[in-house]
N, C-alpha and C. Protein backbone atom coordinates (compact mmCIF):
# COMPACT_ATOMS: atom_id res chain seq x y z
N MET A 1 31.19 -108.82 200.07
CA MET A 1 30.05 -108.99 199.65
C MET A 1 30.55 -108.78 197.97
N ASN A 2 31.01 -107.81 197.36
CA ASN A 2 30.64 -107.05 195.97
C ASN A 2 32.48 -108.69 195.63
N ARG A 3 33.56 -108.72 196.38
CA ARG A 3 34.46 -109.53 196.01
C ARG A 3 34.04 -111.23 195.89
N ASN A 4 33.18 -111.03 197.04
CA ASN A 4 32.83 -112.95 196.68
C ASN A 4 32.07 -113.34 196.21
N PHE A 5 31.06 -112.11 194.81
CA PHE A 5 29.85 -112.32 193.86
C PHE A 5 31.27 -112.39 193.11
N LEU A 6 32.54 -111.26 192.26
CA LEU A 6 32.73 -111.34 191.94
C LEU A 6 33.06 -112.67 191.43
N LEU A 7 33.91 -113.60 192.49
CA LEU A 7 35.21 -114.26 192.31
C LEU A 7 34.13 -115.69 192.38
N ILE A 8 33.07 -115.59 192.46
CA ILE A 8 32.11 -116.75 192.16
C ILE A 8 31.83 -116.64 191.17
N LEU A 9 31.80 -115.69 190.59
CA LEU A 9 31.16 -115.23 189.21
C LEU A 9 31.97 -115.47 188.08
N SER A 10 33.40 -115.06 188.28
CA SER A 10 34.53 -115.45 187.39
C SER A 10 34.77 -117.14 187.86
N LEU A 11 34.69 -117.53 189.05
CA LEU A 11 34.84 -118.77 188.83
C LEU A 11 33.81 -119.59 187.33
N LEU A 12 32.68 -119.25 187.38
CA LEU A 12 30.88 -119.79 187.17
C LEU A 12 31.87 -119.55 185.42
N LEU A 13 32.03 -118.66 184.66
CA LEU A 13 32.28 -118.19 183.59
C LEU A 13 34.04 -119.13 183.12
N PHE A 14 34.50 -119.05 184.22
CA PHE A 14 35.65 -120.16 183.78
C PHE A 14 35.48 -121.79 183.17
N LEU A 15 34.11 -122.19 184.99
CA LEU A 15 34.55 -123.26 184.86
C LEU A 15 32.80 -124.00 183.26
N GLY A 16 32.29 -122.10 182.65
CA GLY A 16 31.38 -122.67 181.63
C GLY A 16 32.66 -122.41 180.71
N ASN A 17 33.55 -121.48 180.23
CA ASN A 17 34.25 -122.38 179.49
C ASN A 17 35.47 -122.93 178.55
N ILE A 18 35.24 -123.88 180.19
CA ILE A 18 36.10 -125.10 180.24
C ILE A 18 34.96 -125.81 179.64
N GLY A 19 34.14 -126.10 180.50
CA GLY A 19 33.30 -126.71 179.85
C GLY A 19 32.81 -126.72 178.19
N SER A 20 32.41 -125.17 177.76
CA SER A 20 32.23 -124.85 176.27
C SER A 20 33.48 -126.05 175.87
N ILE A 21 34.77 -126.04 175.70
CA ILE A 21 36.42 -126.22 175.38
C ILE A 21 35.60 -127.76 174.69
N PHE A 22 35.17 -128.88 176.32
CA PHE A 22 35.70 -129.95 175.79
C PHE A 22 34.33 -130.64 175.16
N TYR A 23 33.06 -129.97 175.12
CA TYR A 23 31.67 -129.67 173.95
C TYR A 23 32.24 -129.17 172.98
N ILE A 24 32.97 -127.72 172.17
CA ILE A 24 33.87 -127.95 171.05
C ILE A 24 34.54 -129.76 170.73
N LYS A 25 35.12 -129.87 171.59
CA LYS A 25 35.91 -131.51 171.11
C LYS A 25 35.42 -132.27 171.09
N GLN A 26 34.75 -132.46 171.68
CA GLN A 26 33.17 -133.73 171.62
C GLN A 26 32.74 -133.51 169.60
N LEU A 27 32.04 -132.03 169.59
CA LEU A 27 31.73 -131.93 168.31
C LEU A 27 33.02 -132.58 167.04
N GLN A 28 34.09 -131.96 166.75
CA GLN A 28 34.98 -132.32 167.01
C GLN A 28 35.17 -133.78 166.27
N ASP A 29 35.34 -134.37 167.71
CA ASP A 29 35.65 -135.96 167.25
C ASP A 29 34.41 -136.51 165.95
N LYS A 30 32.73 -136.12 166.54
CA LYS A 30 31.93 -136.76 166.52
C LYS A 30 32.42 -136.40 164.97
N ILE A 31 32.59 -134.68 164.55
CA ILE A 31 32.58 -134.61 162.36
C ILE A 31 33.29 -135.40 161.98
N ILE A 32 34.68 -135.51 162.74
CA ILE A 32 35.93 -136.59 162.40
C ILE A 32 35.23 -137.68 162.16
N TYR A 33 34.07 -138.46 163.54
CA TYR A 33 34.39 -140.14 163.26
C TYR A 33 33.24 -140.19 161.77
N LEU A 34 32.26 -138.97 161.56
CA LEU A 34 30.96 -139.28 160.61
C LEU A 34 32.25 -139.40 159.37
N GLN A 35 33.05 -138.41 159.51
CA GLN A 35 33.95 -137.81 157.78
C GLN A 35 34.18 -139.10 157.57
N ARG A 36 35.13 -139.82 158.43
CA ARG A 36 35.56 -141.70 158.50
C ARG A 36 34.89 -142.47 158.31
N LYS A 37 33.18 -142.96 158.54
CA LYS A 37 31.89 -143.32 158.25
C LYS A 37 31.67 -143.47 156.87
N GLN A 38 32.05 -141.86 156.37
CA GLN A 38 31.51 -141.81 154.86
C GLN A 38 31.93 -142.48 153.80
N GLU A 39 33.52 -141.89 153.90
CA GLU A 39 34.69 -142.30 153.62
C GLU A 39 34.43 -144.17 153.05
N GLU A 40 33.85 -144.40 154.44
CA GLU A 40 33.89 -146.37 154.23
C GLU A 40 32.54 -146.31 153.29
N ILE A 41 31.53 -145.58 153.12
CA ILE A 41 30.36 -146.32 152.04
C ILE A 41 30.95 -145.54 150.72
N THR A 42 31.68 -144.70 150.81
CA THR A 42 31.86 -144.48 149.29
C THR A 42 32.73 -144.63 148.60
N LYS A 43 34.00 -145.26 149.85
CA LYS A 43 34.85 -146.07 148.65
C LYS A 43 34.27 -146.45 147.71
N PRO A 44 33.27 -147.71 148.29
CA PRO A 44 33.06 -148.89 147.55
C PRO A 44 32.37 -148.20 147.01
N VAL A 45 31.27 -147.50 147.21
CA VAL A 45 30.59 -146.89 145.63
C VAL A 45 31.75 -146.81 144.44
N ASN A 46 32.76 -145.69 145.08
CA ASN A 46 33.29 -145.40 143.85
C ASN A 46 34.48 -146.43 143.01
N ARG A 47 35.17 -147.21 143.83
CA ARG A 47 35.26 -147.96 143.09
C ARG A 47 34.46 -149.46 142.35
N GLN A 48 32.67 -149.40 142.36
CA GLN A 48 32.21 -149.99 141.84
C GLN A 48 31.90 -149.68 140.40
N SER A 49 31.73 -147.63 140.07
CA SER A 49 31.23 -147.19 139.46
C SER A 49 33.17 -147.20 138.58
N LEU A 50 33.94 -146.75 139.14
CA LEU A 50 34.94 -147.62 138.17
C LEU A 50 35.37 -149.23 137.49
N GLU A 51 35.06 -149.09 138.13
CA GLU A 51 34.84 -151.42 138.47
C GLU A 51 34.07 -150.83 136.70
N PHE A 52 33.48 -150.85 136.72
CA PHE A 52 32.12 -151.04 136.25
C PHE A 52 32.36 -150.31 135.20
N LEU A 53 33.39 -148.74 134.57
CA LEU A 53 33.25 -147.97 133.34
C LEU A 53 34.76 -148.59 133.32
N ASP A 54 35.40 -149.73 133.27
CA ASP A 54 36.86 -150.32 133.28
C ASP A 54 35.93 -150.84 132.81
N LEU A 55 34.81 -151.93 132.91
CA LEU A 55 34.51 -153.04 131.78
C LEU A 55 33.74 -152.47 130.33
N LEU A 56 33.05 -151.84 130.65
CA LEU A 56 32.56 -150.66 129.89
C LEU A 56 33.75 -150.50 128.91
N VAL A 57 34.46 -150.36 129.12
CA VAL A 57 35.31 -150.02 127.65
C VAL A 57 35.85 -150.55 126.98
N LYS A 58 36.51 -151.41 127.90
CA LYS A 58 36.90 -153.14 127.46
C LYS A 58 36.34 -153.78 126.27
N LYS A 59 34.89 -154.26 127.12
CA LYS A 59 33.94 -155.27 126.68
C LYS A 59 33.19 -154.37 125.68
N VAL A 60 33.23 -153.18 125.23
CA VAL A 60 32.04 -152.01 124.35
C VAL A 60 32.82 -151.24 123.99
N LEU A 61 33.94 -150.71 124.64
CA LEU A 61 34.15 -149.81 122.96
C LEU A 61 35.49 -150.09 122.49
N LYS A 62 35.50 -150.86 123.00
CA LYS A 62 37.12 -151.92 122.50
C LYS A 62 36.80 -152.71 121.60
N ALA A 63 34.96 -153.04 121.68
CA ALA A 63 35.18 -154.16 120.75
C ALA A 63 35.18 -154.12 119.54
N ASP A 64 35.67 -155.00 118.51
CA ASP A 64 36.37 -155.01 117.71
C ASP A 64 34.56 -155.86 116.91
N LYS A 65 33.60 -156.45 117.66
CA LYS A 65 32.71 -156.99 116.90
C LYS A 65 31.62 -156.84 117.86
N GLU A 66 30.38 -156.99 117.40
CA GLU A 66 29.16 -156.78 118.45
C GLU A 66 28.98 -157.70 119.44
N VAL A 67 28.46 -156.71 120.69
CA VAL A 67 28.91 -157.32 122.31
C VAL A 67 27.84 -158.48 122.14
N ASN A 68 28.14 -159.76 122.78
CA ASN A 68 27.69 -161.06 122.86
C ASN A 68 27.17 -161.02 124.34
N PHE A 69 26.09 -162.08 124.27
CA PHE A 69 25.21 -161.91 124.49
C PHE A 69 25.67 -162.06 126.08
N GLU A 70 26.87 -163.03 126.32
CA GLU A 70 27.01 -163.00 127.74
C GLU A 70 27.87 -162.25 128.46
N THR A 71 28.69 -161.25 127.31
CA THR A 71 28.61 -159.93 127.89
C THR A 71 27.85 -158.93 128.01
N LYS A 72 26.84 -158.52 127.66
CA LYS A 72 25.67 -157.30 127.98
C LYS A 72 25.19 -158.40 129.29
N LEU A 73 24.97 -159.20 129.44
CA LEU A 73 24.26 -160.40 130.84
C LEU A 73 24.75 -159.55 131.98
N LEU A 74 26.78 -159.80 131.72
CA LEU A 74 27.87 -159.42 132.55
C LEU A 74 27.68 -157.48 133.12
N LEU A 75 27.48 -156.49 131.98
CA LEU A 75 27.08 -155.27 131.77
C LEU A 75 25.68 -155.02 132.42
N GLU A 76 25.10 -156.11 131.78
CA GLU A 76 23.31 -155.35 132.87
C GLU A 76 23.40 -155.98 133.87
N ASN A 77 24.12 -157.18 134.52
CA ASN A 77 24.01 -157.33 136.33
C ASN A 77 25.11 -156.42 137.08
N LYS A 78 26.03 -155.99 136.15
CA LYS A 78 27.05 -154.86 136.74
C LYS A 78 26.28 -154.07 137.44
N VAL A 79 25.87 -152.90 136.10
CA VAL A 79 25.09 -151.64 135.88
C VAL A 79 23.97 -151.41 137.10
N ARG A 80 23.59 -152.33 137.56
CA ARG A 80 22.73 -152.42 138.74
C ARG A 80 22.79 -153.01 140.00
N GLU A 81 23.66 -153.52 139.95
CA GLU A 81 24.80 -153.48 141.89
C GLU A 81 25.41 -152.49 142.09
N LEU A 82 25.49 -151.85 140.39
CA LEU A 82 25.35 -150.19 141.86
C LEU A 82 24.94 -149.52 142.06
N ARG A 83 23.68 -149.87 141.83
CA ARG A 83 22.17 -149.19 142.55
C ARG A 83 21.95 -148.27 142.05
N ASP A 84 21.93 -147.65 140.97
CA ASP A 84 21.84 -145.53 141.30
C ASP A 84 21.23 -145.25 139.80
N LYS A 85 20.06 -145.09 140.18
CA LYS A 85 18.42 -145.52 139.30
C LYS A 85 19.36 -144.06 137.76
N GLU A 86 20.28 -142.82 138.20
CA GLU A 86 20.23 -142.20 136.73
C GLU A 86 21.19 -143.24 136.12
N ILE A 87 22.12 -144.10 136.69
CA ILE A 87 23.44 -145.15 136.01
C ILE A 87 22.03 -145.67 134.98
N LEU A 88 21.57 -145.82 135.81
CA LEU A 88 20.55 -147.36 135.53
C LEU A 88 19.34 -146.42 134.58
N ASP A 89 19.27 -145.65 134.36
CA ASP A 89 19.03 -145.31 133.39
C ASP A 89 19.19 -144.55 131.95
N THR A 90 20.38 -144.42 131.82
CA THR A 90 21.42 -143.99 131.03
C THR A 90 21.86 -145.17 130.47
N TRP A 91 21.93 -146.11 130.78
CA TRP A 91 22.40 -147.74 130.96
C TRP A 91 21.12 -147.82 129.42
N ASN A 92 20.08 -148.11 130.44
CA ASN A 92 18.66 -148.70 129.41
C ASN A 92 18.82 -147.38 128.11
N GLU A 93 19.18 -146.50 128.58
CA GLU A 93 18.48 -145.41 126.99
C GLU A 93 19.74 -146.21 125.73
N PHE A 94 20.81 -146.21 126.88
CA PHE A 94 22.56 -146.30 125.29
C PHE A 94 21.90 -148.01 125.15
N VAL A 95 21.28 -149.12 125.62
CA VAL A 95 20.71 -150.48 125.29
C VAL A 95 20.23 -150.39 124.57
N ASN A 96 19.16 -149.22 124.55
CA ASN A 96 17.62 -149.11 123.52
C ASN A 96 17.62 -148.09 122.44
N SER A 97 18.86 -147.72 121.70
CA SER A 97 19.72 -146.69 121.43
C SER A 97 18.82 -147.24 119.77
N LYS A 98 18.04 -145.73 119.36
CA LYS A 98 18.33 -146.65 117.39
C LYS A 98 18.70 -146.49 116.53
N ASN A 99 19.84 -145.84 116.90
CA ASN A 99 20.65 -145.51 115.63
C ASN A 99 21.83 -145.75 116.61
N GLU A 100 23.13 -145.68 115.57
CA GLU A 100 24.55 -145.36 116.19
C GLU A 100 24.90 -143.60 116.94
N THR A 101 24.14 -142.93 115.97
CA THR A 101 24.53 -141.51 116.91
C THR A 101 23.94 -141.39 118.79
N GLN A 102 22.78 -142.10 118.18
CA GLN A 102 21.98 -141.57 119.75
C GLN A 102 23.16 -142.80 120.50
N ALA A 103 23.31 -143.73 119.92
CA ALA A 103 23.90 -144.58 121.21
C ALA A 103 25.72 -144.09 121.58
N GLN A 104 26.01 -143.63 120.46
CA GLN A 104 27.07 -142.91 120.78
C GLN A 104 27.29 -141.45 121.29
N LYS A 105 26.04 -140.38 121.81
CA LYS A 105 25.72 -140.19 122.47
C LYS A 105 24.95 -139.99 123.89
N ASN A 106 24.57 -141.69 124.47
CA ASN A 106 23.86 -142.20 125.29
C ASN A 106 25.14 -142.26 126.00
N ILE A 107 25.93 -143.20 125.65
CA ILE A 107 27.36 -144.33 125.88
C ILE A 107 28.72 -142.79 126.36
N LYS A 108 28.82 -141.86 126.05
CA LYS A 108 29.02 -140.46 126.10
C LYS A 108 28.00 -140.20 127.08
N ASP A 109 26.90 -139.68 127.61
CA ASP A 109 26.40 -139.70 128.67
C ASP A 109 26.64 -140.78 129.68
N LEU A 110 26.65 -141.13 129.92
CA LEU A 110 26.76 -142.86 130.77
C LEU A 110 28.02 -142.69 130.92
N ILE A 111 29.55 -142.85 130.23
CA ILE A 111 30.59 -142.43 130.54
C ILE A 111 30.76 -141.22 131.91
N GLU A 112 30.23 -139.79 131.47
CA GLU A 112 29.99 -138.91 132.21
C GLU A 112 29.83 -139.28 133.93
N ILE A 113 28.68 -139.56 133.66
CA ILE A 113 27.97 -139.95 135.26
C ILE A 113 29.34 -140.65 135.58
N LEU A 114 29.63 -141.87 134.44
CA LEU A 114 30.02 -142.75 136.13
C LEU A 114 31.49 -141.96 135.98
N ILE A 115 31.92 -141.44 135.88
CA ILE A 115 33.36 -140.89 135.91
C ILE A 115 32.70 -139.38 137.05
N GLU A 116 31.59 -138.90 137.31
CA GLU A 116 31.36 -137.72 138.34
C GLU A 116 30.82 -138.64 140.08
N ARG A 117 30.15 -139.84 139.53
CA ARG A 117 30.18 -140.93 141.02
C ARG A 117 30.89 -141.11 141.33
N SER A 118 32.18 -141.91 140.25
CA SER A 118 34.51 -142.21 141.03
C SER A 118 34.37 -140.73 141.57
N LEU A 119 34.82 -139.39 141.29
CA LEU A 119 34.81 -138.39 142.05
C LEU A 119 34.48 -137.92 142.68
N LYS A 120 33.06 -138.21 142.85
CA LYS A 120 32.34 -137.16 143.56
C LYS A 120 32.36 -137.32 145.24
N TYR A 121 33.01 -138.14 145.83
CA TYR A 121 33.43 -138.07 146.83
C TYR A 121 34.60 -137.94 147.85
């Protein structure tokens, strides 16, 4: 009786361990799937942030003269496409700057946020 009991108990523990191994493997596969899914989502966001940053540098920071209306409109549309409230708010602070010193501070803040978003994921 004791021997049968120990045999059954050992078999149940063995089967329980095998079940746990399969469950852990299933969880690992799910984690890998979710990580890949997150990468698919964040890559376009990172790219958009970098593209906007590139446009900002080329059209605003390297400009020899005042930025024209078409460029302002392009930048405004691009910043809205990012769908990021913090970036949009910082952009609006830059656009509505009262003087050059304030504009310089706001553009630095904007660039910092864009870089952070690009490196975030």
